[in-house]
Amino acid sequence: LDNIEVIKMGTTVATNALLERKGERTVLLITKGFKDALRIGYQ
């Protein structure tokens, strides 16, 4: 791993995690009264 000038890299690590729904367990904190705002979205 020595004498390497540059590594330019593309990765689908995040893409695949999103497609397969294998991301990190997440909690959403949002202003009171807007609990379902992201679920409703723009309809």
PDB file of all heavy atoms in Angstrom:
ATOM      1  N   LEU A   1       0.824  -1.210   0.000  1.00  0.00           N
ATOM      2  CA  LEU A   1       0.000   0.000   0.000  1.00  0.00           C
ATOM      3  C   LEU A   1       0.857   1.258   0.000  1.00  0.00           C
ATOM      4  O   LEU A   1       0.356   2.350   0.275  1.00  0.00           O
ATOM      5  CB  LEU A   1      -0.927  -0.002   1.227  1.00  0.00           C
ATOM      6  CG  LEU A   1      -1.926  -1.157   1.310  1.00  0.00           C
ATOM      7  CD1 LEU A   1      -2.761  -1.063   2.583  1.00  0.00           C
ATOM      8  CD2 LEU A   1      -2.837  -1.201   0.091  1.00  0.00           C
ATOM      9  N   ASP A   2       2.138   1.124  -0.315  1.00  0.00           N
ATOM     10  CA  ASP A   2       3.057   2.260  -0.338  1.00  0.00           C
ATOM     11  C   ASP A   2       3.181   2.821  -1.753  1.00  0.00           C
ATOM     12  O   ASP A   2       2.833   2.168  -2.741  1.00  0.00           O
ATOM     13  CB  ASP A   2       4.440   1.834   0.174  1.00  0.00           C
ATOM     14  CG  ASP A   2       4.372   1.298   1.602  1.00  0.00           C
ATOM     15  OD1 ASP A   2       3.562   1.838   2.378  1.00  0.00           O
ATOM     16  OD2 ASP A   2       5.105   0.342   1.913  1.00  0.00           O
ATOM     17  N   ASN A   3       3.707   4.033  -1.843  1.00  0.00           N
ATOM     18  CA  ASN A   3       4.016   4.678  -3.118  1.00  0.00           C
ATOM     19  C   ASN A   3       2.816   4.792  -4.054  1.00  0.00           C
ATOM     20  O   ASN A   3       2.943   4.643  -5.267  1.00  0.00           O
ATOM     21  CB  ASN A   3       5.154   3.931  -3.836  1.00  0.00           C
ATOM     22  CG  ASN A   3       6.432   3.937  -3.033  1.00  0.00           C
ATOM     23  OD1 ASN A   3       6.787   4.948  -2.425  1.00  0.00           O
ATOM     24  ND2 ASN A   3       7.111   2.805  -2.995  1.00  0.00           N
ATOM     25  N   ILE A   4       1.639   5.025  -3.467  1.00  0.00           N
ATOM     26  CA  ILE A   4       0.430   5.233  -4.264  1.00  0.00           C
ATOM     27  C   ILE A   4       0.123   6.727  -4.264  1.00  0.00           C
ATOM     28  O   ILE A   4      -0.084   7.325  -3.210  1.00  0.00           O
ATOM     29  CB  ILE A   4      -0.754   4.433  -3.704  1.00  0.00           C
ATOM     30  CG1 ILE A   4      -0.441   2.933  -3.757  1.00  0.00           C
ATOM     31  CG2 ILE A   4      -2.021   4.737  -4.494  1.00  0.00           C
ATOM     32  CD1 ILE A   4      -1.454   2.071  -3.049  1.00  0.00           C
ATOM     33  N   GLU A   5       0.108   7.319  -5.424  1.00  0.00           N
ATOM     34  CA  GLU A   5      -0.076   8.768  -5.536  1.00  0.00           C
ATOM     35  C   GLU A   5      -1.523   9.171  -5.299  1.00  0.00           C
ATOM     36  O   GLU A   5      -1.817  10.074  -4.525  1.00  0.00           O
ATOM     37  CB  GLU A   5       0.370   9.240  -6.919  1.00  0.00           C
ATOM     38  CG  GLU A   5       0.196  10.737  -7.129  1.00  0.00           C
ATOM     39  CD  GLU A   5       0.601  11.161  -8.533  1.00  0.00           C
ATOM     40  OE1 GLU A   5       1.255  10.364  -9.240  1.00  0.00           O
ATOM     41  OE2 GLU A   5       0.258  12.285  -8.922  1.00  0.00           O
ATOM     42  N   VAL A   6      -2.455   8.491  -5.976  1.00  0.00           N
ATOM     43  CA  VAL A   6      -3.859   8.895  -5.885  1.00  0.00           C
ATOM     44  C   VAL A   6      -4.752   7.689  -6.132  1.00  0.00           C
ATOM     45  O   VAL A   6      -4.400   6.777  -6.888  1.00  0.00           O
ATOM     46  CB  VAL A   6      -4.162  10.021  -6.912  1.00  0.00           C
ATOM     47  CG1 VAL A   6      -4.016   9.507  -8.341  1.00  0.00           C
ATOM     48  CG2 VAL A   6      -5.568  10.591  -6.694  1.00  0.00           C
ATOM     49  N   ILE A   7      -5.897   7.688  -5.443  1.00  0.00           N
ATOM     50  CA  ILE A   7      -6.953   6.712  -5.701  1.00  0.00           C
ATOM     51  C   ILE A   7      -8.230   7.496  -5.939  1.00  0.00           C
ATOM     52  O   ILE A   7      -8.648   8.288  -5.093  1.00  0.00           O
ATOM     53  CB  ILE A   7      -7.146   5.737  -4.521  1.00  0.00           C
ATOM     54  CG1 ILE A   7      -5.881   4.897  -4.312  1.00  0.00           C
ATOM     55  CG2 ILE A   7      -8.346   4.832  -4.757  1.00  0.00           C
ATOM     56  CD1 ILE A   7      -5.929   4.027  -3.070  1.00  0.00           C
ATOM     57  N   LYS A   8      -8.842   7.299  -7.091  1.00  0.00           N
ATOM     58  CA  LYS A   8     -10.126   7.926  -7.406  1.00  0.00           C
ATOM     59  C   LYS A   8     -11.157   6.808  -7.489  1.00  0.00           C
ATOM     60  O   LYS A   8     -10.959   5.842  -8.222  1.00  0.00           O
ATOM     61  CB  LYS A   8     -10.043   8.713  -8.715  1.00  0.00           C
ATOM     62  CG  LYS A   8      -9.055   9.871  -8.641  1.00  0.00           C
ATOM     63  CD  LYS A   8      -8.991  10.660  -9.929  1.00  0.00           C
ATOM     64  CE  LYS A   8      -7.971  11.792  -9.833  1.00  0.00           C
ATOM     65  NZ  LYS A   8      -7.897  12.576 -11.088  1.00  0.00           N
ATOM     66  N   MET A   9     -12.251   6.967  -6.748  1.00  0.00           N
ATOM     67  CA  MET A   9     -13.110   5.826  -6.513  1.00  0.00           C
ATOM     68  C   MET A   9     -14.591   6.190  -6.571  1.00  0.00           C
ATOM     69  O   MET A   9     -15.021   7.223  -6.054  1.00  0.00           O
ATOM     70  CB  MET A   9     -12.751   5.254  -5.131  1.00  0.00           C
ATOM     71  CG  MET A   9     -13.477   4.008  -4.730  1.00  0.00           C
ATOM     72  SD  MET A   9     -12.693   3.408  -3.214  1.00  0.00           S
ATOM     73  CE  MET A   9     -13.945   2.314  -2.632  1.00  0.00           C
ATOM     74  N   GLY A  10     -15.349   5.351  -7.217  1.00  0.00           N
ATOM     75  CA  GLY A  10     -16.805   5.423  -7.162  1.00  0.00           C
ATOM     76  C   GLY A  10     -17.306   4.197  -6.431  1.00  0.00           C
ATOM     77  O   GLY A  10     -16.728   3.112  -6.547  1.00  0.00           O
ATOM     78  N   THR A  11     -18.369   4.348  -5.645  1.00  0.00           N
ATOM     79  CA  THR A  11     -18.857   3.222  -4.862  1.00  0.00           C
ATOM     80  C   THR A  11     -20.379   3.207  -4.837  1.00  0.00           C
ATOM     81  O   THR A  11     -21.020   4.258  -4.800  1.00  0.00           O
ATOM     82  CB  THR A  11     -18.316   3.266  -3.419  1.00  0.00           C
ATOM     83  OG1 THR A  11     -18.931   2.228  -2.660  1.00  0.00           O
ATOM     84  CG2 THR A  11     -18.595   4.602  -2.756  1.00  0.00           C
ATOM     85  N   THR A  12     -20.943   2.010  -4.846  1.00  0.00           N
ATOM     86  CA  THR A  12     -22.395   1.865  -4.718  1.00  0.00           C
ATOM     87  C   THR A  12     -22.763   1.364  -3.326  1.00  0.00           C
ATOM     88  O   THR A  12     -23.854   0.832  -3.130  1.00  0.00           O
ATOM     89  CB  THR A  12     -22.943   0.887  -5.782  1.00  0.00           C
ATOM     90  OG1 THR A  12     -22.304  -0.390  -5.614  1.00  0.00           O
ATOM     91  CG2 THR A  12     -22.699   1.394  -7.180  1.00  0.00           C
ATOM     92  N   VAL A  13     -21.877   1.546  -2.358  1.00  0.00           N
ATOM     93  CA  VAL A  13     -22.162   1.106  -0.987  1.00  0.00           C
ATOM     94  C   VAL A  13     -23.456   1.743  -0.484  1.00  0.00           C
ATOM     95  O   VAL A  13     -24.358   1.074   0.036  1.00  0.00           O
ATOM     96  CB  VAL A  13     -20.986   1.446  -0.043  1.00  0.00           C
ATOM     97  CG1 VAL A  13     -21.390   1.257   1.412  1.00  0.00           C
ATOM     98  CG2 VAL A  13     -19.785   0.568  -0.358  1.00  0.00           C
ATOM     99  N   ALA A  14     -23.580   3.072  -0.635  1.00  0.00           N
ATOM    100  CA  ALA A  14     -24.781   3.771  -0.168  1.00  0.00           C
ATOM    101  C   ALA A  14     -25.971   3.479  -1.072  1.00  0.00           C
ATOM    102  O   ALA A  14     -27.099   3.321  -0.595  1.00  0.00           O
ATOM    103  CB  ALA A  14     -24.522   5.270  -0.092  1.00  0.00           C
ATOM    104  N   THR A  15     -25.741   3.394  -2.385  1.00  0.00           N
ATOM    105  CA  THR A  15     -26.827   3.105  -3.326  1.00  0.00           C
ATOM    106  C   THR A  15     -27.506   1.789  -2.984  1.00  0.00           C
ATOM    107  O   THR A  15     -28.730   1.697  -2.892  1.00  0.00           O
ATOM    108  CB  THR A  15     -26.275   3.031  -4.767  1.00  0.00           C
ATOM    109  OG1 THR A  15     -25.364   4.099  -4.989  1.00  0.00           O
ATOM    110  CG2 THR A  15     -27.398   3.089  -5.786  1.00  0.00           C
ATOM    111  N   ASN A  16     -26.681   0.753  -2.778  1.00  0.00           N
ATOM    112  CA  ASN A  16     -27.232  -0.573  -2.504  1.00  0.00           C
ATOM    113  C   ASN A  16     -27.923  -0.620  -1.148  1.00  0.00           C
ATOM    114  O   ASN A  16     -28.947  -1.291  -0.983  1.00  0.00           O
ATOM    115  CB  ASN A  16     -26.121  -1.621  -2.581  1.00  0.00           C
ATOM    116  CG  ASN A  16     -25.520  -1.712  -3.974  1.00  0.00           C
ATOM    117  OD1 ASN A  16     -26.145  -1.284  -4.940  1.00  0.00           O
ATOM    118  ND2 ASN A  16     -24.322  -2.235  -4.077  1.00  0.00           N
ATOM    119  N   ALA A  17     -27.365   0.095  -0.164  1.00  0.00           N
ATOM    120  CA  ALA A  17     -28.007   0.143   1.159  1.00  0.00           C
ATOM    121  C   ALA A  17     -29.392   0.771   1.052  1.00  0.00           C
ATOM    122  O   ALA A  17     -30.333   0.350   1.731  1.00  0.00           O
ATOM    123  CB  ALA A  17     -27.142   0.924   2.137  1.00  0.00           C
ATOM    124  N   LEU A  18     -29.538   1.784   0.195  1.00  0.00           N
ATOM    125  CA  LEU A  18     -30.835   2.433   0.003  1.00  0.00           C
ATOM    126  C   LEU A  18     -31.796   1.528  -0.758  1.00  0.00           C
ATOM    127  O   LEU A  18     -32.957   1.367  -0.368  1.00  0.00           O
ATOM    128  CB  LEU A  18     -30.647   3.754  -0.750  1.00  0.00           C
ATOM    129  CG  LEU A  18     -31.906   4.601  -0.946  1.00  0.00           C
ATOM    130  CD1 LEU A  18     -32.460   5.049   0.397  1.00  0.00           C
ATOM    131  CD2 LEU A  18     -31.608   5.806  -1.830  1.00  0.00           C
ATOM    132  N   LEU A  19     -31.324   0.912  -1.852  1.00  0.00           N
ATOM    133  CA  LEU A  19     -32.183   0.051  -2.655  1.00  0.00           C
ATOM    134  C   LEU A  19     -32.701  -1.133  -1.850  1.00  0.00           C
ATOM    135  O   LEU A  19     -33.855  -1.542  -1.974  1.00  0.00           O
ATOM    136  CB  LEU A  19     -31.424  -0.455  -3.891  1.00  0.00           C
ATOM    137  CG  LEU A  19     -31.108   0.573  -4.984  1.00  0.00           C
ATOM    138  CD1 LEU A  19     -30.196  -0.035  -6.029  1.00  0.00           C
ATOM    139  CD2 LEU A  19     -32.385   1.086  -5.620  1.00  0.00           C
ATOM    140  N   GLU A  20     -31.835  -1.710  -1.003  1.00  0.00           N
ATOM    141  CA  GLU A  20     -32.209  -2.895  -0.238  1.00  0.00           C
ATOM    142  C   GLU A  20     -32.702  -2.560   1.165  1.00  0.00           C
ATOM    143  O   GLU A  20     -33.012  -3.467   1.949  1.00  0.00           O
ATOM    144  CB  GLU A  20     -31.006  -3.849  -0.155  1.00  0.00           C
ATOM    145  CG  GLU A  20     -30.502  -4.311  -1.510  1.00  0.00           C
ATOM    146  CD  GLU A  20     -29.310  -5.247  -1.409  1.00  0.00           C
ATOM    147  OE1 GLU A  20     -29.455  -6.306  -0.783  1.00  0.00           O
ATOM    148  OE2 GLU A  20     -28.237  -4.902  -1.929  1.00  0.00           O
ATOM    149  N   ARG A  21     -32.760  -1.257   1.481  1.00  0.00           N
ATOM    150  CA  ARG A  21     -33.212  -0.787   2.797  1.00  0.00           C
ATOM    151  C   ARG A  21     -32.371  -1.419   3.915  1.00  0.00           C
ATOM    152  O   ARG A  21     -32.897  -1.997   4.860  1.00  0.00           O
ATOM    153  CB  ARG A  21     -34.694  -1.098   2.991  1.00  0.00           C
ATOM    154  CG  ARG A  21     -35.636  -0.329   2.057  1.00  0.00           C
ATOM    155  CD  ARG A  21     -35.522   1.192   2.309  1.00  0.00           C
ATOM    156  NE  ARG A  21     -36.601   1.940   1.682  1.00  0.00           N
ATOM    157  CZ  ARG A  21     -36.558   2.472   0.469  1.00  0.00           C
ATOM    158  NH1 ARG A  21     -35.465   2.332  -0.263  1.00  0.00           N
ATOM    159  NH2 ARG A  21     -37.579   3.160  -0.001  1.00  0.00           N
ATOM    160  N   LYS A  22     -31.049  -1.282   3.776  1.00  0.00           N
ATOM    161  CA  LYS A  22     -30.133  -1.839   4.764  1.00  0.00           C
ATOM    162  C   LYS A  22     -29.247  -0.755   5.376  1.00  0.00           C
ATOM    163  O   LYS A  22     -28.073  -0.964   5.656  1.00  0.00           O
ATOM    164  CB  LYS A  22     -29.260  -2.936   4.125  1.00  0.00           C
ATOM    165  CG  LYS A  22     -30.045  -4.179   3.731  1.00  0.00           C
ATOM    166  CD  LYS A  22     -29.134  -5.245   3.133  1.00  0.00           C
ATOM    167  CE  LYS A  22     -29.931  -6.498   2.773  1.00  0.00           C
ATOM    168  NZ  LYS A  22     -29.073  -7.536   2.136  1.00  0.00           N
ATOM    169  N   GLY A  23     -29.836   0.437   5.568  1.00  0.00           N
ATOM    170  CA  GLY A  23     -29.094   1.528   6.182  1.00  0.00           C
ATOM    171  C   GLY A  23     -29.113   1.438   7.697  1.00  0.00           C
ATOM    172  O   GLY A  23     -29.525   0.434   8.289  1.00  0.00           O
ATOM    173  N   GLU A  24     -28.661   2.523   8.343  1.00  0.00           N
ATOM    174  CA  GLU A  24     -28.583   2.569   9.807  1.00  0.00           C
ATOM    175  C   GLU A  24     -29.971   2.820  10.408  1.00  0.00           C
ATOM    176  O   GLU A  24     -30.779   3.569   9.864  1.00  0.00           O
ATOM    177  CB  GLU A  24     -27.637   3.708  10.221  1.00  0.00           C
ATOM    178  CG  GLU A  24     -27.226   3.672  11.667  1.00  0.00           C
ATOM    179  CD  GLU A  24     -26.058   2.740  11.923  1.00  0.00           C
ATOM    180  OE1 GLU A  24     -25.669   1.996  10.988  1.00  0.00           O
ATOM    181  OE2 GLU A  24     -25.538   2.746  13.040  1.00  0.00           O
ATOM    182  N   ARG A  25     -30.247   2.190  11.544  1.00  0.00           N
ATOM    183  CA  ARG A  25     -31.495   2.458  12.262  1.00  0.00           C
ATOM    184  C   ARG A  25     -31.511   3.930  12.687  1.00  0.00           C
ATOM    185  O   ARG A  25     -30.540   4.425  13.274  1.00  0.00           O
ATOM    186  CB  ARG A  25     -31.623   1.546  13.476  1.00  0.00           C
ATOM    187  CG  ARG A  25     -31.733   0.075  13.135  1.00  0.00           C
ATOM    188  CD  ARG A  25     -31.776  -0.761  14.412  1.00  0.00           C
ATOM    189  NE  ARG A  25     -32.994  -0.503  15.187  1.00  0.00           N
ATOM    190  CZ  ARG A  25     -33.175  -0.919  16.428  1.00  0.00           C
ATOM    191  NH1 ARG A  25     -32.206  -1.581  17.056  1.00  0.00           N
ATOM    192  NH2 ARG A  25     -34.311  -0.660  17.066  1.00  0.00           N
ATOM    193  N   THR A  26     -32.599   4.634  12.397  1.00  0.00           N
ATOM    194  CA  THR A  26     -32.625   6.086  12.534  1.00  0.00           C
ATOM    195  C   THR A  26     -33.877   6.556  13.272  1.00  0.00           C
ATOM    196  O   THR A  26     -34.971   6.012  13.073  1.00  0.00           O
ATOM    197  CB  THR A  26     -32.587   6.742  11.133  1.00  0.00           C
ATOM    198  OG1 THR A  26     -31.380   6.353  10.466  1.00  0.00           O
ATOM    199  CG2 THR A  26     -32.630   8.257  11.221  1.00  0.00           C
ATOM    200  N   VAL A  27     -33.705   7.577  14.116  1.00  0.00           N
ATOM    201  CA  VAL A  27     -34.834   8.255  14.750  1.00  0.00           C
ATOM    202  C   VAL A  27     -34.923   9.676  14.188  1.00  0.00           C
ATOM    203  O   VAL A  27     -33.899  10.310  13.932  1.00  0.00           O
ATOM    204  CB  VAL A  27     -34.683   8.285  16.293  1.00  0.00           C
ATOM    205  CG1 VAL A  27     -33.413   9.016  16.715  1.00  0.00           C
ATOM    206  CG2 VAL A  27     -35.901   8.951  16.943  1.00  0.00           C
ATOM    207  N   LEU A  28     -36.133  10.140  13.946  1.00  0.00           N
ATOM    208  CA  LEU A  28     -36.368  11.490  13.444  1.00  0.00           C
ATOM    209  C   LEU A  28     -36.890  12.371  14.573  1.00  0.00           C
ATOM    210  O   LEU A  28     -37.871  12.026  15.237  1.00  0.00           O
ATOM    211  CB  LEU A  28     -37.392  11.450  12.302  1.00  0.00           C
ATOM    212  CG  LEU A  28     -37.950  12.802  11.839  1.00  0.00           C
ATOM    213  CD1 LEU A  28     -36.850  13.666  11.233  1.00  0.00           C
ATOM    214  CD2 LEU A  28     -39.093  12.597  10.844  1.00  0.00           C
ATOM    215  N   LEU A  29     -36.233  13.502  14.799  1.00  0.00           N
ATOM    216  CA  LEU A  29     -36.713  14.522  15.734  1.00  0.00           C
ATOM    217  C   LEU A  29     -37.227  15.696  14.915  1.00  0.00           C
ATOM    218  O   LEU A  29     -36.482  16.271  14.115  1.00  0.00           O
ATOM    219  CB  LEU A  29     -35.591  14.985  16.669  1.00  0.00           C
ATOM    220  CG  LEU A  29     -35.326  14.122  17.911  1.00  0.00           C
ATOM    221  CD1 LEU A  29     -34.654  12.819  17.501  1.00  0.00           C
ATOM    222  CD2 LEU A  29     -34.449  14.852  18.906  1.00  0.00           C
ATOM    223  N   ILE A  30     -38.497  16.050  15.107  1.00  0.00           N
ATOM    224  CA  ILE A  30     -39.107  17.084  14.281  1.00  0.00           C
ATOM    225  C   ILE A  30     -39.993  17.967  15.162  1.00  0.00           C
ATOM    226  O   ILE A  30     -40.433  17.558  16.239  1.00  0.00           O
ATOM    227  CB  ILE A  30     -39.932  16.443  13.137  1.00  0.00           C
ATOM    228  CG1 ILE A  30     -40.250  17.451  12.033  1.00  0.00           C
ATOM    229  CG2 ILE A  30     -41.184  15.748  13.654  1.00  0.00           C
ATOM    230  CD1 ILE A  30     -40.710  16.811  10.734  1.00  0.00           C
ATOM    231  N   THR A  31     -40.235  19.183  14.722  1.00  0.00           N
ATOM    232  CA  THR A  31     -41.062  20.140  15.464  1.00  0.00           C
ATOM    233  C   THR A  31     -42.438  19.541  15.777  1.00  0.00           C
ATOM    234  O   THR A  31     -43.059  18.904  14.918  1.00  0.00           O
ATOM    235  CB  THR A  31     -41.236  21.430  14.642  1.00  0.00           C
ATOM    236  OG1 THR A  31     -39.954  21.971  14.335  1.00  0.00           O
ATOM    237  CG2 THR A  31     -42.047  22.454  15.412  1.00  0.00           C
ATOM    238  N   LYS A  32     -42.904  19.737  17.004  1.00  0.00           N
ATOM    239  CA  LYS A  32     -44.187  19.190  17.424  1.00  0.00           C
ATOM    240  C   LYS A  32     -45.315  19.679  16.508  1.00  0.00           C
ATOM    241  O   LYS A  32     -45.396  20.850  16.156  1.00  0.00           O
ATOM    242  CB  LYS A  32     -44.488  19.597  18.867  1.00  0.00           C
ATOM    243  CG  LYS A  32     -45.726  18.911  19.439  1.00  0.00           C
ATOM    244  CD  LYS A  32     -45.895  19.195  20.922  1.00  0.00           C
ATOM    245  CE  LYS A  32     -47.094  18.444  21.472  1.00  0.00           C
ATOM    246  NZ  LYS A  32     -47.268  18.661  22.933  1.00  0.00           N
ATOM    247  N   GLY A  33     -46.156  18.720  16.126  1.00  0.00           N
ATOM    248  CA  GLY A  33     -47.245  19.028  15.204  1.00  0.00           C
ATOM    249  C   GLY A  33     -46.955  18.604  13.778  1.00  0.00           C
ATOM    250  O   GLY A  33     -47.850  18.612  12.928  1.00  0.00           O
ATOM    251  N   PHE A  34     -45.704  18.213  13.510  1.00  0.00           N
ATOM    252  CA  PHE A  34     -45.305  17.846  12.145  1.00  0.00           C
ATOM    253  C   PHE A  34     -44.800  16.405  12.067  1.00  0.00           C
ATOM    254  O   PHE A  34     -44.011  16.056  11.197  1.00  0.00           O
ATOM    255  CB  PHE A  34     -44.228  18.815  11.629  1.00  0.00           C
ATOM    256  CG  PHE A  34     -44.717  20.218  11.463  1.00  0.00           C
ATOM    257  CD1 PHE A  34     -44.673  21.108  12.520  1.00  0.00           C
ATOM    258  CD2 PHE A  34     -45.256  20.637  10.264  1.00  0.00           C
ATOM    259  CE1 PHE A  34     -45.135  22.407  12.380  1.00  0.00           C
ATOM    260  CE2 PHE A  34     -45.728  21.926  10.103  1.00  0.00           C
ATOM    261  CZ  PHE A  34     -45.671  22.823  11.175  1.00  0.00           C
ATOM    262  N   LYS A  35     -45.289  15.578  12.983  1.00  0.00           N
ATOM    263  CA  LYS A  35     -44.828  14.195  13.069  1.00  0.00           C
ATOM    264  C   LYS A  35     -44.951  13.456  11.738  1.00  0.00           C
ATOM    265  O   LYS A  35     -44.074  12.674  11.368  1.00  0.00           O
ATOM    266  CB  LYS A  35     -45.640  13.470  14.145  1.00  0.00           C
ATOM    267  CG  LYS A  35     -45.292  12.001  14.315  1.00  0.00           C
ATOM    268  CD  LYS A  35     -46.118  11.366  15.424  1.00  0.00           C
ATOM    269  CE  LYS A  35     -45.762   9.893  15.604  1.00  0.00           C
ATOM    270  NZ  LYS A  35     -46.550   9.277  16.698  1.00  0.00           N
ATOM    271  N   ASP A  36     -46.039  13.691  11.006  1.00  0.00           N
ATOM    272  CA  ASP A  36     -46.298  12.952   9.767  1.00  0.00           C
ATOM    273  C   ASP A  36     -45.972  13.758   8.511  1.00  0.00           C
ATOM    274  O   ASP A  36     -46.344  13.350   7.408  1.00  0.00           O
ATOM    275  CB  ASP A  36     -47.765  12.517   9.722  1.00  0.00           C
ATOM    276  CG  ASP A  36     -48.108  11.553  10.850  1.00  0.00           C
ATOM    277  OD1 ASP A  36     -47.307  10.630  11.081  1.00  0.00           O
ATOM    278  OD2 ASP A  36     -49.154  11.742  11.500  1.00  0.00           O
ATOM    279  N   ALA A  37     -45.274  14.879   8.661  1.00  0.00           N
ATOM    280  CA  ALA A  37     -45.022  15.753   7.507  1.00  0.00           C
ATOM    281  C   ALA A  37     -44.252  15.032   6.404  1.00  0.00           C
ATOM    282  O   ALA A  37     -44.562  15.178   5.213  1.00  0.00           O
ATOM    283  CB  ALA A  37     -44.262  17.000   7.952  1.00  0.00           C
ATOM    284  N   LEU A  38     -43.239  14.239   6.779  1.00  0.00           N
ATOM    285  CA  LEU A  38     -42.439  13.562   5.752  1.00  0.00           C
ATOM    286  C   LEU A  38     -43.186  12.380   5.166  1.00  0.00           C
ATOM    287  O   LEU A  38     -42.964  12.028   3.999  1.00  0.00           O
ATOM    288  CB  LEU A  38     -41.098  13.114   6.342  1.00  0.00           C
ATOM    289  CG  LEU A  38     -40.224  14.210   6.975  1.00  0.00           C
ATOM    290  CD1 LEU A  38     -38.838  13.678   7.282  1.00  0.00           C
ATOM    291  CD2 LEU A  38     -40.131  15.433   6.077  1.00  0.00           C
ATOM    292  N   ARG A  39     -44.044  11.749   5.948  1.00  0.00           N
ATOM    293  CA  ARG A  39     -44.880  10.672   5.412  1.00  0.00           C
ATOM    294  C   ARG A  39     -45.895  11.233   4.403  1.00  0.00           C
ATOM    295  O   ARG A  39     -46.086  10.682   3.318  1.00  0.00           O
ATOM    296  CB  ARG A  39     -45.600   9.950   6.557  1.00  0.00           C
ATOM    297  CG  ARG A  39     -46.831   9.146   6.153  1.00  0.00           C
ATOM    298  CD  ARG A  39     -46.512   8.088   5.108  1.00  0.00           C
ATOM    299  NE  ARG A  39     -46.027   6.845   5.670  1.00  0.00           N
ATOM    300  CZ  ARG A  39     -45.625   5.805   4.945  1.00  0.00           C
ATOM    301  NH1 ARG A  39     -45.618   5.896   3.621  1.00  0.00           N
ATOM    302  NH2 ARG A  39     -45.191   4.714   5.515  1.00  0.00           N
ATOM    303  N   ILE A  40     -46.527  12.354   4.744  1.00  0.00           N
ATOM    304  CA  ILE A  40     -47.491  12.969   3.834  1.00  0.00           C
ATOM    305  C   ILE A  40     -46.790  13.527   2.602  1.00  0.00           C
ATOM    306  O   ILE A  40     -47.255  13.369   1.473  1.00  0.00           O
ATOM    307  CB  ILE A  40     -48.262  14.098   4.555  1.00  0.00           C
ATOM    308  CG1 ILE A  40     -49.097  13.517   5.708  1.00  0.00           C
ATOM    309  CG2 ILE A  40     -49.158  14.867   3.589  1.00  0.00           C
ATOM    310  CD1 ILE A  40     -49.667  14.563   6.649  1.00  0.00           C
ATOM    311  N   GLY A  41     -45.621  14.151   2.818  1.00  0.00           N
ATOM    312  CA  GLY A  41     -44.854  14.708   1.710  1.00  0.00           C
ATOM    313  C   GLY A  41     -45.651  15.734   0.936  1.00  0.00           C
ATOM    314  O   GLY A  41     -46.323  16.595   1.509  1.00  0.00           O
ATOM    315  N   TYR A  42     -45.601  15.623  -0.400  1.00  0.00           N
ATOM    316  CA  TYR A  42     -46.324  16.559  -1.258  1.00  0.00           C
ATOM    317  C   TYR A  42     -47.587  15.925  -1.843  1.00  0.00           C
ATOM    318  O   TYR A  42     -48.211  16.481  -2.737  1.00  0.00           O
ATOM    319  CB  TYR A  42     -45.408  17.047  -2.380  1.00  0.00           C
ATOM    320  CG  TYR A  42     -44.206  17.799  -1.852  1.00  0.00           C
ATOM    321  CD1 TYR A  42     -42.923  17.300  -2.013  1.00  0.00           C
ATOM    322  CD2 TYR A  42     -44.360  19.008  -1.177  1.00  0.00           C
ATOM    323  CE1 TYR A  42     -41.821  17.980  -1.511  1.00  0.00           C
ATOM    324  CE2 TYR A  42     -43.274  19.690  -0.678  1.00  0.00           C
ATOM    325  CZ  TYR A  42     -41.999  19.178  -0.853  1.00  0.00           C
ATOM    326  OH  TYR A  42     -40.915  19.861  -0.351  1.00  0.00           O
ATOM    327  N   GLN A  43     -47.911  14.718  -1.362  1.00  0.00           N
ATOM    328  CA  GLN A  43     -49.099  13.986  -1.817  1.00  0.00           C
ATOM    329  C   GLN A  43     -49.071  13.704  -3.313  1.00  0.00           C
ATOM    330  O   GLN A  43     -50.117  13.622  -3.967  1.00  0.00           O
ATOM    331  CB  GLN A  43     -50.385  14.734  -1.430  1.00  0.00           C
ATOM    332  CG  GLN A  43     -50.535  14.937   0.074  1.00  0.00           C
ATOM    333  CD  GLN A  43     -51.917  15.420   0.475  1.00  0.00           C
ATOM    334  OE1 GLN A  43     -52.896  14.742   0.255  1.00  0.00           O
ATOM    335  NE2 GLN A  43     -51.971  16.622   1.052  1.00  0.00           N
TER     336      GLN A  43
END
